[in-house]
N, C-alpha and C. Protein backbone atom coordinates (compact mmCIF):
# COMPACT_ATOMS: atom_id res chain seq x y z
N UNK A 1 0.81 -1.19 0.00
CA UNK A 1 0.00 0.00 0.00
C UNK A 1 0.86 1.26 0.00
N UNK A 2 1.86 1.22 0.80
CA UNK A 2 2.75 2.38 0.85
C UNK A 2 3.45 2.62 -0.47
N UNK A 3 3.80 1.56 -1.15
CA UNK A 3 4.51 1.69 -2.40
C UNK A 3 3.64 2.38 -3.45
N UNK A 4 2.36 2.07 -3.47
CA UNK A 4 1.46 2.70 -4.42
C UNK A 4 1.30 4.19 -4.13
N UNK A 5 1.29 4.60 -2.90
CA UNK A 5 1.15 6.01 -2.56
C UNK A 5 2.36 6.82 -3.03
N UNK A 6 3.52 6.24 -2.91
CA UNK A 6 4.72 6.95 -3.36
C UNK A 6 4.70 7.14 -4.88
N UNK A 7 4.25 6.14 -5.61
CA UNK A 7 4.15 6.28 -7.05
C UNK A 7 3.10 7.31 -7.43
N UNK A 8 2.00 7.36 -6.73
CA UNK A 8 0.94 8.33 -7.01
C UNK A 8 1.43 9.74 -6.69
N UNK A 9 2.17 9.89 -5.58
CA UNK A 9 2.72 11.20 -5.23
C UNK A 9 3.73 11.68 -6.28
N UNK A 10 4.52 10.78 -6.81
CA UNK A 10 5.51 11.15 -7.82
C UNK A 10 4.81 11.62 -9.09
N UNK A 11 3.72 10.97 -9.47
CA UNK A 11 2.98 11.39 -10.65
C UNK A 11 2.32 12.76 -10.44
N UNK A 12 1.82 13.02 -9.26
CA UNK A 12 1.16 14.29 -8.99
C UNK A 12 2.16 15.44 -8.87
N UNK A 13 3.41 15.16 -8.53
CA UNK A 13 4.40 16.21 -8.34
C UNK A 13 4.95 16.76 -9.64
N UNK A 14 4.70 16.13 -10.77
CA UNK A 14 5.20 16.61 -12.05
C UNK A 14 4.48 17.90 -12.45
N UNK A 15 5.24 18.82 -13.04
CA UNK A 15 4.68 20.09 -13.49
C UNK A 15 4.56 20.06 -15.01
N UNK A 16 3.41 20.45 -15.50
CA UNK A 16 3.19 20.47 -16.94
C UNK A 16 3.76 21.78 -17.49
N UNK A 17 4.76 21.69 -18.36
CA UNK A 17 5.44 22.86 -18.89
C UNK A 17 4.79 23.41 -20.16
N UNK A 18 3.83 22.72 -20.69
CA UNK A 18 3.21 23.15 -21.95
C UNK A 18 2.61 24.56 -21.86
N UNK A 19 1.82 24.89 -20.82
CA UNK A 19 1.28 26.27 -20.77
C UNK A 19 2.38 27.33 -20.66
N UNK A 20 3.46 27.01 -19.94
CA UNK A 20 4.54 27.98 -19.82
C UNK A 20 5.22 28.19 -21.18
N UNK A 21 5.43 27.14 -21.94
CA UNK A 21 6.01 27.28 -23.27
C UNK A 21 5.09 28.06 -24.19
N UNK A 22 3.79 27.86 -24.06
CA UNK A 22 2.84 28.63 -24.86
C UNK A 22 2.97 30.12 -24.57
N UNK A 23 3.08 30.46 -23.30
CA UNK A 23 3.22 31.87 -22.91
C UNK A 23 4.53 32.44 -23.45
N UNK A 24 5.61 31.69 -23.39
CA UNK A 24 6.90 32.16 -23.88
C UNK A 24 6.83 32.41 -25.39
N UNK A 25 6.22 31.49 -26.13
CA UNK A 25 6.10 31.68 -27.58
C UNK A 25 5.20 32.87 -27.92
N UNK A 26 4.13 33.07 -27.18
CA UNK A 26 3.25 34.22 -27.41
C UNK A 26 4.00 35.51 -27.14
N UNK A 27 4.81 35.55 -26.07
CA UNK A 27 5.60 36.74 -25.78
C UNK A 27 6.63 36.98 -26.89
N UNK A 28 7.27 35.94 -27.38
CA UNK A 28 8.24 36.07 -28.45
C UNK A 28 7.59 36.65 -29.70
N UNK A 29 6.43 36.13 -30.07
CA UNK A 29 5.71 36.65 -31.23
C UNK A 29 5.32 38.10 -31.01
N UNK A 30 4.88 38.44 -29.80
CA UNK A 30 4.50 39.82 -29.49
C UNK A 30 5.68 40.76 -29.69
N UNK A 31 6.86 40.41 -29.16
CA UNK A 31 8.02 41.30 -29.27
C UNK A 31 8.52 41.40 -30.71
N UNK A 32 8.41 40.34 -31.48
CA UNK A 32 8.81 40.41 -32.89
C UNK A 32 7.89 41.34 -33.65
N UNK A 33 6.58 41.25 -33.40
CA UNK A 33 5.61 42.08 -34.10
C UNK A 33 5.73 43.54 -33.69
N UNK A 34 5.96 43.79 -32.41
CA UNK A 34 5.99 45.16 -31.89
C UNK A 34 7.29 45.87 -32.25
N UNK A 35 8.39 45.11 -32.36
CA UNK A 35 9.69 45.74 -32.63
C UNK A 35 9.65 46.46 -33.97
N UNK A 36 10.19 47.65 -33.97
CA UNK A 36 10.25 48.39 -35.23
C UNK A 36 11.70 48.43 -35.68
N UNK A 37 11.90 48.17 -36.93
CA UNK A 37 13.25 48.15 -37.48
C UNK A 37 13.44 49.45 -38.24
N UNK A 38 14.23 50.34 -37.67
CA UNK A 38 14.45 51.66 -38.25
C UNK A 38 15.74 51.66 -39.08
N UNK A 39 15.71 52.39 -40.15
CA UNK A 39 16.92 52.57 -40.95
C UNK A 39 17.67 53.75 -40.35
N UNK A 40 18.88 53.49 -39.91
CA UNK A 40 19.66 54.55 -39.28
C UNK A 40 20.31 55.41 -40.35
N UNK A 41 20.43 56.68 -40.02
CA UNK A 41 21.06 57.62 -40.95
C UNK A 41 22.55 57.31 -41.03
N UNK A 42 23.10 57.44 -42.20
CA UNK A 42 24.52 57.18 -42.39
C UNK A 42 25.05 58.02 -43.53
N UNK A 43 26.28 57.76 -43.88
CA UNK A 43 26.88 58.47 -45.00
C UNK A 43 27.29 57.45 -46.04
N UNK A 44 27.25 57.87 -47.28
CA UNK A 44 27.62 56.99 -48.38
C UNK A 44 29.15 56.91 -48.47
N UNK A 45 29.65 55.70 -48.65
CA UNK A 45 31.10 55.48 -48.72
C UNK A 45 31.44 54.92 -50.09
N UNK A 46 32.37 55.57 -50.78
CA UNK A 46 32.84 55.10 -52.08
C UNK A 46 34.23 54.53 -51.92
N UNK A 47 34.39 53.26 -52.20
CA UNK A 47 35.71 52.63 -52.20
C UNK A 47 36.10 52.36 -53.63
N UNK A 48 37.05 53.10 -54.15
CA UNK A 48 37.41 52.93 -55.56
C UNK A 48 38.19 51.64 -55.79
N UNK A 49 38.09 51.15 -57.00
CA UNK A 49 38.91 50.01 -57.39
C UNK A 49 40.34 50.48 -57.60
N UNK A 50 41.27 49.57 -57.55
CA UNK A 50 42.67 49.96 -57.70
C UNK A 50 42.99 50.43 -59.11
N UNK A 51 42.17 50.07 -60.11
CA UNK A 51 42.45 50.48 -61.48
C UNK A 51 41.71 51.76 -61.87
N UNK A 52 41.04 52.37 -60.91
CA UNK A 52 40.27 53.59 -61.19
C UNK A 52 41.19 54.81 -61.22
N UNK A 53 40.88 55.79 -62.05
CA UNK A 53 41.68 57.01 -62.14
C UNK A 53 41.57 57.81 -60.85
N UNK A 54 42.64 58.47 -60.41
CA UNK A 54 42.57 59.29 -59.20
C UNK A 54 41.70 60.51 -59.44
N UNK A 55 41.07 61.04 -58.38
CA UNK A 55 40.23 62.22 -58.53
C UNK A 55 41.06 63.44 -58.91
N UNK A 56 40.38 64.49 -59.38
CA UNK A 56 41.06 65.73 -59.76
C UNK A 56 41.80 66.31 -58.57
N UNK A 57 43.03 66.73 -58.80
CA UNK A 57 43.82 67.31 -57.72
C UNK A 57 43.54 68.80 -57.56
N UNK A 58 42.81 69.42 -58.53
CA UNK A 58 42.49 70.83 -58.42
C UNK A 58 41.44 71.09 -57.35
N UNK A 59 40.57 70.14 -57.13
CA UNK A 59 39.50 70.32 -56.15
C UNK A 59 40.06 70.23 -54.73
N UNK A 60 39.48 71.02 -53.85
CA UNK A 60 39.89 70.99 -52.44
C UNK A 60 39.33 69.71 -51.82
N UNK A 61 40.15 69.03 -51.07
CA UNK A 61 39.73 67.81 -50.42
C UNK A 61 40.17 67.83 -48.96
N UNK A 62 39.28 67.44 -48.10
CA UNK A 62 39.59 67.30 -46.69
C UNK A 62 40.15 65.90 -46.50
N UNK A 63 41.39 65.81 -46.05
CA UNK A 63 42.04 64.51 -45.87
C UNK A 63 42.31 64.30 -44.39
N UNK A 64 41.79 63.21 -43.86
CA UNK A 64 42.03 62.83 -42.48
C UNK A 64 42.78 61.51 -42.51
N UNK A 65 43.90 61.45 -41.81
CA UNK A 65 44.72 60.24 -41.76
C UNK A 65 44.69 59.68 -40.35
N UNK A 66 44.41 58.38 -40.25
CA UNK A 66 44.42 57.69 -38.95
C UNK A 66 45.61 56.76 -38.97
N UNK A 67 46.56 56.99 -38.06
CA UNK A 67 47.77 56.18 -38.02
C UNK A 67 47.51 54.85 -37.33
N UNK A 68 48.51 53.99 -37.37
CA UNK A 68 48.39 52.67 -36.76
C UNK A 68 48.18 52.70 -35.26
N UNK A 69 48.63 53.78 -34.60
CA UNK A 69 48.42 53.89 -33.15
C UNK A 69 47.25 54.83 -32.83
N UNK A 70 46.31 54.98 -33.79
CA UNK A 70 45.06 55.72 -33.64
C UNK A 70 45.24 57.21 -33.43
N UNK A 71 46.32 57.78 -33.93
CA UNK A 71 46.47 59.23 -33.94
C UNK A 71 45.76 59.77 -35.17
N UNK A 72 45.14 60.92 -35.03
CA UNK A 72 44.39 61.52 -36.13
C UNK A 72 45.16 62.73 -36.62
N UNK A 73 45.47 62.73 -37.92
CA UNK A 73 46.23 63.82 -38.55
C UNK A 73 45.35 64.48 -39.59
N UNK A 74 45.39 65.82 -39.59
CA UNK A 74 44.62 66.60 -40.54
C UNK A 74 45.38 67.88 -40.82
N UNK A 75 45.58 68.19 -42.09
CA UNK A 75 46.33 69.37 -42.50
C UNK A 75 47.73 69.39 -41.88
N UNK A 76 48.40 68.26 -41.92
CA UNK A 76 49.78 68.10 -41.41
C UNK A 76 49.93 68.43 -39.93
N UNK A 77 48.89 68.24 -39.17
CA UNK A 77 49.01 68.39 -37.71
C UNK A 77 48.11 67.37 -37.02
N UNK A 78 48.58 66.97 -35.85
CA UNK A 78 47.84 65.98 -35.07
C UNK A 78 46.71 66.68 -34.34
N UNK A 79 45.51 66.10 -34.41
CA UNK A 79 44.37 66.70 -33.73
C UNK A 79 43.67 65.65 -32.87
N UNK A 80 42.93 66.13 -31.90
CA UNK A 80 42.15 65.27 -31.02
C UNK A 80 40.85 64.90 -31.71
N UNK A 81 40.27 63.77 -31.33
CA UNK A 81 39.01 63.33 -31.95
C UNK A 81 37.90 64.35 -31.73
N UNK A 82 37.95 65.08 -30.62
CA UNK A 82 36.91 66.08 -30.35
C UNK A 82 37.02 67.29 -31.26
N UNK A 83 38.17 67.50 -31.90
CA UNK A 83 38.37 68.66 -32.76
C UNK A 83 38.13 68.34 -34.24
N UNK A 84 37.88 67.08 -34.57
CA UNK A 84 37.70 66.69 -35.97
C UNK A 84 36.49 67.40 -36.57
N UNK A 85 35.37 67.37 -35.87
CA UNK A 85 34.14 67.97 -36.38
C UNK A 85 34.31 69.47 -36.64
N UNK A 86 34.92 70.17 -35.71
CA UNK A 86 35.11 71.61 -35.86
C UNK A 86 36.03 71.93 -37.04
N UNK A 87 37.10 71.17 -37.22
CA UNK A 87 38.03 71.40 -38.34
C UNK A 87 37.35 71.13 -39.68
N UNK A 88 36.57 70.07 -39.76
CA UNK A 88 35.87 69.76 -41.01
C UNK A 88 34.83 70.83 -41.31
N UNK A 89 34.10 71.26 -40.28
CA UNK A 89 33.08 72.30 -40.48
C UNK A 89 33.72 73.60 -40.95
N UNK A 90 34.90 73.92 -40.43
CA UNK A 90 35.61 75.14 -40.83
C UNK A 90 35.99 75.08 -42.31
N UNK A 91 36.50 73.94 -42.75
CA UNK A 91 36.88 73.80 -44.16
C UNK A 91 35.65 73.81 -45.06
N UNK A 92 34.59 73.14 -44.62
CA UNK A 92 33.36 73.12 -45.42
C UNK A 92 32.72 74.50 -45.51
N UNK A 93 32.91 75.33 -44.49
CA UNK A 93 32.36 76.68 -44.53
C UNK A 93 33.04 77.50 -45.62
N UNK A 94 34.34 77.29 -45.83
CA UNK A 94 35.04 78.03 -46.86
C UNK A 94 34.83 77.43 -48.25
N UNK A 95 34.61 76.11 -48.32
CA UNK A 95 34.37 75.45 -49.61
C UNK A 95 33.37 74.31 -49.40
N UNK A 96 32.08 74.57 -49.60
CA UNK A 96 31.06 73.54 -49.36
C UNK A 96 31.17 72.33 -50.29
N UNK A 97 31.86 72.48 -51.41
CA UNK A 97 31.99 71.38 -52.37
C UNK A 97 33.24 70.52 -52.12
N UNK A 98 33.93 70.75 -51.01
CA UNK A 98 35.17 70.01 -50.71
C UNK A 98 34.86 68.53 -50.50
N UNK A 99 35.73 67.71 -51.05
CA UNK A 99 35.60 66.28 -50.85
C UNK A 99 36.13 65.88 -49.49
N UNK A 100 35.83 64.68 -49.07
CA UNK A 100 36.29 64.20 -47.76
C UNK A 100 36.90 62.82 -47.96
N UNK A 101 38.15 62.65 -47.55
CA UNK A 101 38.87 61.39 -47.71
C UNK A 101 39.44 60.96 -46.38
N UNK A 102 39.29 59.69 -46.07
CA UNK A 102 39.87 59.11 -44.85
C UNK A 102 40.93 58.10 -45.28
N UNK A 103 42.14 58.29 -44.79
CA UNK A 103 43.23 57.34 -45.03
C UNK A 103 43.54 56.66 -43.71
N UNK A 104 43.64 55.35 -43.74
CA UNK A 104 43.97 54.61 -42.53
C UNK A 104 45.22 53.78 -42.78
N UNK A 105 46.02 53.67 -41.75
CA UNK A 105 47.20 52.83 -41.80
C UNK A 105 46.87 51.49 -41.14
N UNK A 106 47.69 50.51 -41.42
CA UNK A 106 47.49 49.20 -40.80
C UNK A 106 47.60 49.34 -39.28
N UNK A 107 46.69 48.73 -38.57
CA UNK A 107 46.68 48.79 -37.12
C UNK A 107 45.72 49.80 -36.54
N UNK A 108 45.13 50.65 -37.37
CA UNK A 108 44.16 51.63 -36.88
C UNK A 108 42.88 50.90 -36.50
N UNK A 109 42.29 51.31 -35.39
CA UNK A 109 41.08 50.62 -34.92
C UNK A 109 39.85 51.10 -35.66
N UNK A 110 38.90 50.21 -35.79
CA UNK A 110 37.65 50.55 -36.46
C UNK A 110 36.86 51.57 -35.64
N UNK A 111 37.00 51.55 -34.33
CA UNK A 111 36.31 52.51 -33.48
C UNK A 111 36.72 53.94 -33.77
N UNK A 112 38.02 54.15 -33.97
CA UNK A 112 38.51 55.49 -34.31
C UNK A 112 37.98 55.91 -35.67
N UNK A 113 37.97 54.99 -36.62
CA UNK A 113 37.44 55.29 -37.95
C UNK A 113 35.97 55.67 -37.87
N UNK A 114 35.20 54.96 -37.07
CA UNK A 114 33.78 55.28 -36.92
C UNK A 114 33.57 56.64 -36.25
N UNK A 115 34.40 56.95 -35.27
CA UNK A 115 34.29 58.25 -34.61
C UNK A 115 34.59 59.38 -35.59
N UNK A 116 35.59 59.21 -36.45
CA UNK A 116 35.92 60.22 -37.45
C UNK A 116 34.76 60.34 -38.45
N UNK A 117 34.21 59.21 -38.88
CA UNK A 117 33.08 59.23 -39.80
C UNK A 117 31.86 59.91 -39.21
N UNK A 118 31.57 59.65 -37.93
CA UNK A 118 30.45 60.31 -37.26
C UNK A 118 30.68 61.82 -37.15
N UNK A 119 31.91 62.20 -36.82
CA UNK A 119 32.22 63.63 -36.72
C UNK A 119 32.06 64.31 -38.08
N UNK A 120 32.47 63.62 -39.14
CA UNK A 120 32.33 64.19 -40.49
C UNK A 120 30.86 64.34 -40.86
N UNK A 121 30.05 63.35 -40.53
CA UNK A 121 28.62 63.42 -40.82
C UNK A 121 27.97 64.56 -40.07
N UNK A 122 28.35 64.73 -38.80
CA UNK A 122 27.81 65.83 -38.00
C UNK A 122 28.24 67.19 -38.55
N UNK A 123 29.41 67.25 -39.17
CA UNK A 123 29.90 68.51 -39.73
C UNK A 123 29.24 68.84 -41.07
N UNK A 124 28.56 67.88 -41.68
CA UNK A 124 27.86 68.14 -42.93
C UNK A 124 28.39 67.42 -44.14
N UNK A 125 29.29 66.46 -43.96
CA UNK A 125 29.82 65.69 -45.08
C UNK A 125 28.78 64.66 -45.51
N UNK A 126 28.53 64.58 -46.80
CA UNK A 126 27.55 63.63 -47.31
C UNK A 126 28.18 62.37 -47.89
N UNK A 127 29.44 62.44 -48.28
CA UNK A 127 30.08 61.32 -48.95
C UNK A 127 31.53 61.23 -48.49
N UNK A 128 31.95 59.99 -48.19
CA UNK A 128 33.32 59.73 -47.76
C UNK A 128 34.02 58.96 -48.87
N UNK A 129 35.22 59.39 -49.23
CA UNK A 129 36.03 58.68 -50.23
C UNK A 129 37.13 57.91 -49.53
N UNK A 130 37.35 56.68 -49.96
CA UNK A 130 38.42 55.85 -49.44
C UNK A 130 39.46 55.68 -50.54
N UNK A 131 40.69 55.99 -50.26
CA UNK A 131 41.72 55.84 -51.30
C UNK A 131 41.94 54.37 -51.60
N UNK A 132 42.32 54.08 -52.85
CA UNK A 132 42.63 52.71 -53.23
C UNK A 132 43.88 52.27 -52.51
N UNK A 133 43.90 50.99 -52.17
CA UNK A 133 45.07 50.46 -51.45
C UNK A 133 46.26 50.42 -52.38
N UNK A 134 47.38 50.90 -51.88
CA UNK A 134 48.60 50.88 -52.66
C UNK A 134 49.29 49.55 -52.47
N UNK A 135 49.83 49.03 -53.57
CA UNK A 135 50.47 47.71 -53.48
C UNK A 135 51.94 47.83 -53.72
């Protein structure tokens, strides 16, 4: 008699997980439906092929160089990341048609490149040019 009671107690102690899984799936569907996928604003990047002709040298171009140790150089002087936007805005104020080029050396971090790109976008640059890799 005692043995049967233990088996009955073991059967009654089981928890049915089906309703909990139903709730989890309903919540998952709810969050997928409610989530909105926004297109974030960005800037257009042109990476030329190595066989493409170089751009005109007569046009004014803003050139920012990021060295391998993440130093930022502009107009032959080292500048802080916080000053990139102001320097670009100053050049764009004198020539709104100026191009914008970012040169990176091996070892430069992507984070620094993104910060420079964000600063350029905030300053009013619409298009970034990447120089062809030299071989």
